[in-house]
Protein backbone atom coordinates (compact mmCIF):
# COMPACT_ATOMS: atom_id res chain seq x y z
CA MET A 1 -32.31 31.30 67.94
CA GLN A 2 -29.92 33.78 66.82
CA LEU A 3 -29.57 34.87 63.52
CA ARG A 4 -26.71 36.26 62.08
CA SER A 5 -28.35 39.85 62.29
CA ALA A 6 -31.76 40.65 62.58
CA PRO A 7 -33.12 40.77 58.56
CA ASP A 8 -34.53 43.67 57.09
CA VAL A 9 -37.58 41.05 56.34
CA LEU A 10 -39.01 38.08 57.96
CA VAL A 11 -42.19 36.73 55.80
CA VAL A 12 -44.10 34.43 58.03
CA GLY A 13 -44.87 31.60 55.30
CA GLY A 14 -43.43 29.31 52.69
CA GLY A 15 -46.18 28.87 50.37
CA LEU A 16 -45.76 30.42 47.26
CA ILE A 17 -46.85 33.96 47.94
CA GLY A 18 -44.56 33.97 51.04
CA LEU A 19 -41.75 32.48 48.43
CA VAL A 20 -42.54 35.05 45.86
CA THR A 21 -42.00 37.96 48.55
CA ALA A 22 -38.73 36.77 49.79
CA TRP A 23 -37.42 36.64 46.32
CA ARG A 24 -38.26 39.47 45.22
CA ALA A 25 -37.41 41.25 48.20
CA ALA A 26 -34.08 39.90 47.77
CA ARG A 27 -33.66 40.71 44.72
CA LEU A 28 -33.57 44.10 45.61
CA GLY A 29 -30.64 43.49 48.34
CA MET A 30 -32.84 43.25 51.16
CA ARG A 31 -31.74 40.57 53.66
CA VAL A 32 -34.70 38.24 53.79
CA THR A 33 -35.79 35.27 56.38
CA VAL A 34 -38.34 32.81 55.72
CA VAL A 35 -40.45 31.02 58.14
CA SER A 36 -41.90 28.19 57.55
CA ALA A 37 -43.55 25.14 58.97
CA GLU A 38 -45.78 22.14 56.94
CA LYS A 39 -48.91 22.57 57.29
CA ALA A 40 -51.97 19.79 56.26
CA GLY A 41 -54.34 21.22 53.85
CA ALA A 42 -51.83 24.15 52.54
CA ALA A 43 -53.50 25.51 49.05
CA SER A 44 -49.85 26.18 47.72
CA GLY A 45 -48.61 22.18 47.21
CA VAL A 46 -52.33 21.12 46.29
CA ALA A 47 -53.55 23.84 43.71
CA ALA A 48 -54.29 22.77 40.00
CA GLY A 49 -51.61 25.65 39.02
CA MET A 50 -54.29 26.38 35.92
CA LEU A 51 -53.58 30.55 34.63
CA THR A 52 -56.55 30.85 33.62
CA PRO A 53 -58.21 34.50 34.38
CA ALA A 54 -60.59 34.19 31.22
CA THR A 55 -62.45 30.43 32.01
CA GLU A 56 -62.63 31.58 35.64
CA ALA A 57 -64.12 35.41 34.62
CA VAL A 58 -67.44 35.30 36.69
CA PHE A 59 -69.94 38.35 36.96
CA GLY A 60 -69.36 40.64 40.06
CA GLU A 61 -65.48 40.00 40.18
CA GLU A 62 -64.07 42.48 37.14
CA SER A 63 -61.70 44.20 39.41
CA LEU A 64 -60.38 40.78 40.60
CA ILE A 65 -60.03 39.56 36.66
CA ARG A 66 -58.69 42.45 36.03
CA LEU A 67 -55.35 41.65 38.32
CA GLY A 68 -55.50 37.95 37.16
CA LEU A 69 -54.90 39.82 33.37
CA ARG A 70 -52.15 41.91 34.75
CA SER A 71 -50.60 38.69 36.58
CA GLN A 72 -51.21 36.40 33.35
CA GLN A 73 -49.32 39.26 31.10
CA ARG A 74 -46.63 39.38 33.93
CA TYR A 75 -45.75 35.65 33.52
CA PRO A 76 -43.76 35.07 30.55
CA ASP A 77 -40.90 37.85 31.87
CA PHE A 78 -41.62 36.26 35.35
CA ILE A 79 -40.54 32.84 34.44
CA ALA A 80 -37.52 34.17 32.43
CA GLU A 81 -36.40 36.01 35.78
CA LEU A 82 -36.59 32.95 37.93
CA ALA A 83 -34.44 31.07 35.43
CA GLU A 84 -31.73 33.73 36.08
CA ASP A 85 -31.86 32.91 39.57
CA THR A 86 -32.09 28.33 39.29
CA ASP A 87 -32.56 25.87 36.69
CA VAL A 88 -35.81 24.54 38.35
CA ASP A 89 -38.51 24.31 35.82
CA PRO A 90 -41.45 25.25 36.88
CA GLY A 91 -43.29 23.83 34.18
CA TYR A 92 -44.72 26.52 32.59
CA ARG A 93 -47.13 25.79 29.56
CA THR A 94 -48.83 27.97 26.88
CA GLU A 95 -51.26 25.59 24.99
CA GLY A 96 -54.32 27.51 26.24
CA THR A 97 -57.07 26.64 27.75
CA LEU A 98 -60.60 24.58 26.38
CA GLN A 99 -63.83 25.23 27.71
CA VAL A 100 -66.52 22.97 27.25
CA GLY A 101 -70.11 22.15 27.85
CA PHE A 102 -71.78 19.10 28.25
CA ASP A 103 -75.50 20.15 28.11
CA PRO A 104 -77.70 23.20 25.87
CA ASP A 105 -77.60 24.90 29.44
CA ASP A 106 -74.36 24.29 30.20
CA MET A 107 -73.09 26.25 26.81
CA ALA A 108 -75.90 28.74 27.44
CA THR A 109 -74.35 29.87 30.51
CA LEU A 110 -70.60 29.97 28.97
CA ALA A 111 -72.39 31.95 26.43
CA GLU A 112 -73.44 34.74 28.91
CA LEU A 113 -69.86 34.75 30.29
CA GLN A 114 -68.61 35.60 26.96
CA GLN A 115 -70.13 38.55 26.93
CA LEU A 116 -68.65 39.52 30.41
CA ARG A 117 -65.32 38.78 28.65
CA ASP A 118 -66.31 40.47 25.36
CA ARG A 119 -66.62 43.94 27.65
CA LEU A 120 -63.01 43.00 29.83
CA GLY A 121 -61.27 42.69 26.13
CA ILE A 122 -60.59 39.41 26.79
CA ARG A 123 -59.20 37.07 23.91
CA THR A 124 -61.80 33.51 23.16
CA GLU A 125 -62.57 31.64 20.44
CA ARG A 126 -66.20 29.97 20.12
CA LEU A 127 -66.39 26.50 19.07
CA THR A 128 -68.24 23.94 18.35
CA SER A 129 -68.26 20.05 19.70
CA ARG A 130 -66.86 18.91 16.36
CA GLU A 131 -63.92 21.85 16.56
CA CYS A 132 -63.32 20.90 20.23
CA ARG A 133 -62.79 17.51 19.61
CA ARG A 134 -60.89 18.24 16.96
CA LEU A 135 -58.49 20.33 19.47
CA GLU A 136 -59.11 17.50 21.82
CA PRO A 137 -59.80 13.77 20.58
CA MET A 138 -60.87 12.47 24.02
CA LEU A 139 -63.09 13.83 24.26
CA ALA A 140 -66.91 13.22 24.74
CA PRO A 141 -69.29 13.44 21.36
CA THR A 142 -71.93 14.06 23.72
CA VAL A 143 -69.82 18.01 24.15
CA ARG A 144 -71.74 20.35 22.87
CA GLY A 145 -69.13 22.79 21.89
CA GLY A 146 -66.84 25.56 23.78
CA PHE A 147 -64.64 28.32 23.94
CA LEU A 148 -60.36 28.36 23.31
CA ALA A 149 -58.80 30.65 25.60
CA PRO A 150 -55.44 30.82 23.76
CA ASP A 151 -54.39 32.60 26.41
CA ASP A 152 -55.32 30.67 29.94
CA HIS A 153 -52.00 28.72 30.73
CA SER A 154 -51.11 26.78 33.37
CA VAL A 155 -47.86 25.80 35.60
CA ASP A 156 -46.99 23.48 38.17
CA PRO A 157 -47.47 24.92 41.56
CA ARG A 158 -45.17 22.13 43.20
CA ARG A 159 -42.20 22.75 40.77
CA LEU A 160 -42.81 26.67 41.15
CA SER A 161 -42.52 26.43 44.93
CA GLU A 162 -39.32 24.78 44.37
CA ALA A 163 -37.83 27.40 41.60
CA LEU A 164 -38.95 30.29 44.36
CA ARG A 165 -37.40 28.68 47.34
CA ALA A 166 -33.58 27.81 45.08
CA ALA A 167 -34.38 31.53 43.68
CA ALA A 168 -34.70 33.09 47.13
CA ALA A 169 -31.83 30.93 48.36
CA ALA A 170 -29.56 31.96 45.73
CA ARG A 171 -30.19 35.89 46.36
CA GLY A 172 -29.36 35.24 49.83
CA ALA A 173 -32.79 34.55 51.52
CA LEU A 174 -32.40 32.19 54.46
CA PHE A 175 -35.32 29.44 55.64
CA VAL A 176 -35.92 28.61 59.51
CA ALA A 177 -38.63 26.16 59.38
CA GLY A 178 -41.09 26.63 62.75
CA HIS A 179 -44.50 27.94 63.37
CA VAL A 180 -45.04 31.54 64.07
CA ARG A 181 -46.98 31.61 67.55
CA GLU A 182 -46.90 35.34 68.03
CA VAL A 183 -46.04 38.46 66.46
CA VAL A 184 -43.83 41.18 69.01
CA GLY A 185 -44.39 44.59 69.21
CA GLY A 186 -47.95 46.30 70.08
CA GLU A 187 -50.30 48.66 68.69
CA ASP A 188 -47.17 51.04 66.88
CA ALA A 189 -44.52 48.84 65.42
CA VAL A 190 -43.37 45.37 65.15
CA ARG A 191 -39.88 44.20 66.40
CA GLY A 192 -39.90 40.96 65.07
CA VAL A 193 -41.73 37.48 65.86
CA VAL A 194 -41.68 34.40 68.40
CA LEU A 195 -41.66 30.41 67.43
CA ASP A 196 -43.86 28.19 69.39
CA SER A 197 -40.33 27.10 70.23
CA GLY A 198 -39.79 30.07 72.27
CA ASP A 199 -37.31 31.57 70.17
CA THR A 200 -37.37 35.36 69.00
CA LEU A 201 -36.48 36.78 65.65
CA ASP A 202 -36.41 40.10 65.17
CA ALA A 203 -36.83 41.68 62.18
CA GLY A 204 -37.35 45.82 60.37
CA GLN A 205 -40.29 44.71 58.44
CA VAL A 206 -42.73 41.75 58.89
CA VAL A 207 -44.65 40.11 56.53
CA LEU A 208 -47.93 37.47 57.09
CA ALA A 209 -48.48 35.29 54.32
CA ALA A 210 -49.13 32.36 55.81
CA GLY A 211 -52.59 32.23 54.15
CA VAL A 212 -55.62 30.53 55.96
CA TRP A 213 -53.73 30.52 59.01
CA SER A 214 -52.44 33.99 59.52
CA SER A 215 -55.19 35.35 61.26
CA ASP A 216 -54.23 32.76 64.12
CA ILE A 217 -51.12 34.36 65.20
CA VAL A 218 -51.16 36.05 68.48
CA GLY A 219 -50.10 39.48 69.31
CA LEU A 220 -52.05 41.83 66.96
CA PRO A 221 -54.27 44.36 67.46
CA GLU A 222 -57.46 43.67 66.53
CA GLY A 223 -59.12 43.82 63.07
CA VAL A 224 -55.17 44.07 61.57
CA VAL A 225 -55.54 40.76 59.95
CA PRO A 226 -59.67 40.16 58.96
CA PRO A 227 -61.43 36.95 59.32
CA LEU A 228 -60.11 34.10 57.08
CA ARG A 229 -62.43 31.57 55.85
CA PRO A 230 -60.82 28.27 54.47
CA VAL A 231 -62.36 26.89 51.77
CA LYS A 232 -61.69 23.17 51.07
CA GLY A 233 -61.08 21.79 47.97
CA GLN A 234 -60.32 18.05 46.78
CA LEU A 235 -58.83 16.65 44.19
CA LEU A 236 -56.82 14.04 42.37
CA ARG A 237 -53.27 14.02 40.59
CA LEU A 238 -53.84 11.00 38.32
CA ARG A 239 -50.89 9.31 35.59
CA THR A 240 -51.36 8.38 31.57
CA PRO A 241 -50.73 4.51 31.62
CA LEU A 242 -46.88 4.98 30.06
CA GLY A 243 -47.21 4.82 26.30
CA ALA A 244 -50.58 5.90 25.99
CA GLU A 245 -51.56 8.83 24.32
CA PRO A 246 -52.25 12.19 26.35
CA LEU A 247 -56.05 12.21 27.62
CA VAL A 248 -55.73 16.25 27.20
CA THR A 249 -52.97 18.30 25.34
CA ARG A 250 -54.28 21.43 27.56
CA THR A 251 -55.76 22.25 30.20
CA VAL A 252 -59.50 21.69 29.97
CA ARG A 253 -62.10 23.46 31.77
CA GLY A 254 -65.85 22.44 31.73
CA LEU A 255 -69.33 22.84 32.99
CA VAL A 256 -71.71 18.90 33.26
CA THR A 257 -75.21 20.28 34.15
CA GLY A 258 -73.84 23.48 35.82
CA SER A 259 -71.02 21.33 37.67
CA PRO A 260 -67.73 22.97 37.10
CA VAL A 261 -64.74 20.07 36.40
CA TYR A 262 -61.61 20.69 35.29
CA LEU A 263 -58.39 18.71 33.57
CA VAL A 264 -54.69 20.25 33.83
CA PRO A 265 -51.78 17.77 32.20
CA ARG A 266 -48.59 17.28 33.07
CA ALA A 267 -45.15 17.14 30.63
CA ASP A 268 -44.83 14.37 32.73
CA GLY A 269 -48.09 12.50 32.08
CA GLU A 270 -49.99 13.60 35.40
CA VAL A 271 -53.21 14.84 34.59
CA ILE A 272 -54.41 17.17 37.97
CA LEU A 273 -58.36 16.61 38.47
CA GLY A 274 -60.71 18.82 40.25
CA ALA A 275 -61.77 20.38 42.27
CA THR A 276 -64.68 20.80 44.93
CA GLN A 277 -65.19 23.91 46.25
CA GLU A 278 -66.79 23.57 50.07
CA GLU A 279 -67.36 25.84 52.92
CA MET A 280 -66.58 23.27 56.23
CA GLY A 281 -64.19 25.22 58.57
CA PHE A 282 -60.98 23.77 58.73
CA ASP A 283 -62.21 20.14 57.85
CA THR A 284 -59.34 18.19 55.84
CA ARG A 285 -60.98 14.79 55.41
CA LEU A 286 -60.72 13.71 51.69
CA THR A 287 -64.59 12.23 51.38
CA VAL A 288 -66.05 9.95 48.95
CA GLY A 289 -68.39 12.10 47.82
CA GLY A 290 -66.16 15.15 46.44
CA VAL A 291 -64.14 12.09 44.77
CA TRP A 292 -66.82 10.85 43.03
CA GLU A 293 -68.48 14.15 42.06
CA MET A 294 -65.31 15.23 39.93
CA LEU A 295 -64.59 11.34 38.92
CA ARG A 296 -68.37 11.38 37.76
CA ASP A 297 -68.37 14.54 35.78
CA ALA A 298 -65.04 14.60 34.38
CA ARG A 299 -66.35 10.55 33.40
CA GLU A 300 -68.53 13.13 31.45
CA LEU A 301 -66.65 15.17 29.53
CA VAL A 302 -63.30 12.94 29.10
CA PRO A 303 -64.48 9.32 29.24
CA GLY A 304 -60.86 7.41 29.19
CA VAL A 305 -60.09 9.31 32.40
CA THR A 306 -61.39 6.23 33.93
CA GLU A 307 -58.45 4.75 32.75
CA LEU A 308 -55.78 6.63 34.36
CA GLU A 309 -54.01 5.38 37.55
CA ILE A 310 -54.91 7.87 40.96
CA VAL A 311 -51.32 8.51 42.11
CA GLU A 312 -52.15 10.57 44.91
CA THR A 313 -55.38 12.25 46.69
CA CYS A 314 -55.14 16.21 47.86
CA VAL A 315 -57.08 18.35 49.99
CA GLY A 316 -55.84 22.03 50.87
CA LEU A 317 -57.98 24.97 52.24
CA ARG A 318 -57.71 28.03 50.29
CA PRO A 319 -57.50 31.53 52.55
CA GLY A 320 -61.10 33.24 51.65
CA PRO A 321 -61.21 37.13 52.71
CA PRO A 322 -64.42 38.91 53.06
CA ASP A 323 -64.72 39.56 49.87
CA ASN A 324 -62.64 37.13 48.00
CA GLU A 325 -59.45 39.57 46.54
CA PRO A 326 -56.14 39.35 48.27
CA LEU A 327 -55.18 41.74 50.96
CA LEU A 328 -51.55 43.53 50.54
CA GLY A 329 -49.38 45.74 51.66
CA PRO A 330 -49.00 47.92 54.74
CA THR A 331 -51.21 47.32 57.91
CA ARG A 332 -51.98 50.35 60.76
CA VAL A 333 -48.40 48.96 62.60
CA ARG A 334 -45.85 50.15 61.10
CA GLY A 335 -43.34 47.20 59.46
CA LEU A 336 -46.45 45.19 59.27
CA HIS A 337 -47.50 43.83 56.08
CA LEU A 338 -50.47 40.91 55.12
CA ALA A 339 -50.02 39.09 51.64
CA VAL A 340 -52.74 36.71 52.35
CA GLY A 341 -56.49 36.28 51.29
CA HIS A 342 -55.62 35.13 47.51
CA TYR A 343 -58.53 32.47 47.54
CA ARG A 344 -58.68 30.21 44.27
CA HIS A 345 -55.91 32.43 42.23
CA GLY A 346 -52.27 32.60 44.33
CA VAL A 347 -51.14 30.66 41.53
CA LEU A 348 -52.16 33.12 39.09
CA LEU A 349 -51.38 36.09 41.26
CA ALA A 350 -48.18 35.07 42.42
CA PRO A 351 -45.84 37.21 39.60
CA VAL A 352 -48.66 40.84 40.57
CA THR A 353 -48.20 39.75 43.97
CA GLY A 354 -44.53 39.76 43.86
CA ASP A 355 -44.24 43.38 42.08
CA VAL A 356 -46.62 44.58 44.37
CA MET A 357 -44.78 43.47 47.80
CA ALA A 358 -41.48 44.52 46.54
CA GLU A 359 -43.03 48.12 46.02
CA VAL A 360 -44.44 48.44 49.44
CA LEU A 361 -41.49 46.88 50.97
CA SER A 362 -39.39 49.29 49.24
CA THR A 363 -41.58 52.13 49.29
CA GLY A 364 -44.11 51.62 52.02
CA ARG A 365 -46.72 52.34 49.75
CA LEU A 366 -48.95 50.08 47.64
CA PRO A 367 -48.76 50.85 43.63
CA ASP A 368 -52.13 52.80 42.51
CA TYR A 369 -53.22 49.87 40.74
CA ALA A 370 -53.38 47.91 43.78
CA SER A 371 -54.31 50.31 45.61
CA HIS A 372 -58.24 48.55 46.43
CA LEU A 373 -56.32 45.37 47.51
CA ALA A 374 -55.01 47.21 50.71
CA ALA A 375 -54.47 45.38 53.78
CA ASP A 376 -56.92 47.71 55.87
CA ARG A 377 -60.18 48.44 53.80
CA PHE A 378 -61.79 46.76 56.33
CA LEU A 379 -61.18 48.29 59.11
CA PRO A 380 -64.26 50.72 59.54
CA SER A 381 -62.18 53.69 60.07
CA SER A 382 -59.34 53.37 57.18
CA SER A 383 -59.25 54.53 54.13
CA PRO A 384 -57.10 52.25 51.20
CA SER A 385 -53.53 52.44 52.36
CA LYS A 386 -52.23 54.09 49.12
CA GLY A 387 -49.34 54.44 51.26
CA VAL A 388 -48.27 53.75 54.76
CA GLU A 389 -44.83 54.68 55.65
CA THR A 390 -42.87 51.74 57.28
CA SER A 391 -39.87 53.80 58.52
């Protein structure tokens, strides 16, 4: 395979992270090629699309929460920038998120997490059971109460992927269908990639954004891509009967005797129900147990869920790095960058990842606010790469 000329940037991976990287680089006037292959279990097409740093906040992940808040605040401008390059609607919704507890222990857990949100300055409002049901009338009367996070929004990841691909193409990005087998270069610099077909594609810079499969690509020095563990998630795509009232009008996240569950509505009547979190390797089987647990817990919060049609079952593999934070930017191989390891937060972190990678690809350096996400931070002799020159 011969491209017209070697691109400035070759992105390996056509999920959300690869697409946002390609689009932002193309917006800067770089010649960009994206190489992608359909993968069973790819996370982007399965994700629910919650933009919920407030209601996903957990102790011990404060730096990740701050990064999520930064990206959440970027979303309105990010959506507006996309609209400049494509008319594909990414399904961005701003009704907020309602987080509810099923029993007193669940409410105690949510109240404890509220202390973390208060400390981080995240805006939420505590609600009684009656106030929760005033917002979402289909909630079960047994729900004990909850918290409204007005800034926790949602987007449709499939439509967002379509929009990013169209926007990147509008800016001149080329797309090649194929699986990257090998990175060409050596210890010092990258020169391109080899596809399974045997074709070689040259490039000035290469970005690995192939999710959990990024570490399977050969030709890389040991340790350049840290181990990425696949974290399995099962979810259901449901549909409200034609003419029926919406089951929920905003994202509802709940704890049911300690077990998390969520329902994310779409404008077309679809409702996403999810999701399991399983350390099962590269297992992409849909299981009776996983589906039963989701439906059991959802029915406790919103009994009407049993009336919805199941239109699709999904299994995805989230790319989990050792510390659950993304790996971004330059590696010790000149011209080779990572944009991987977003774990549960790939959709939320798409805008900030695009910002970071645009700066990396144009200057060779990570912005200060992302220095702790350096791609080489797990190498024994490395200090976080605030900057590694790429030229």
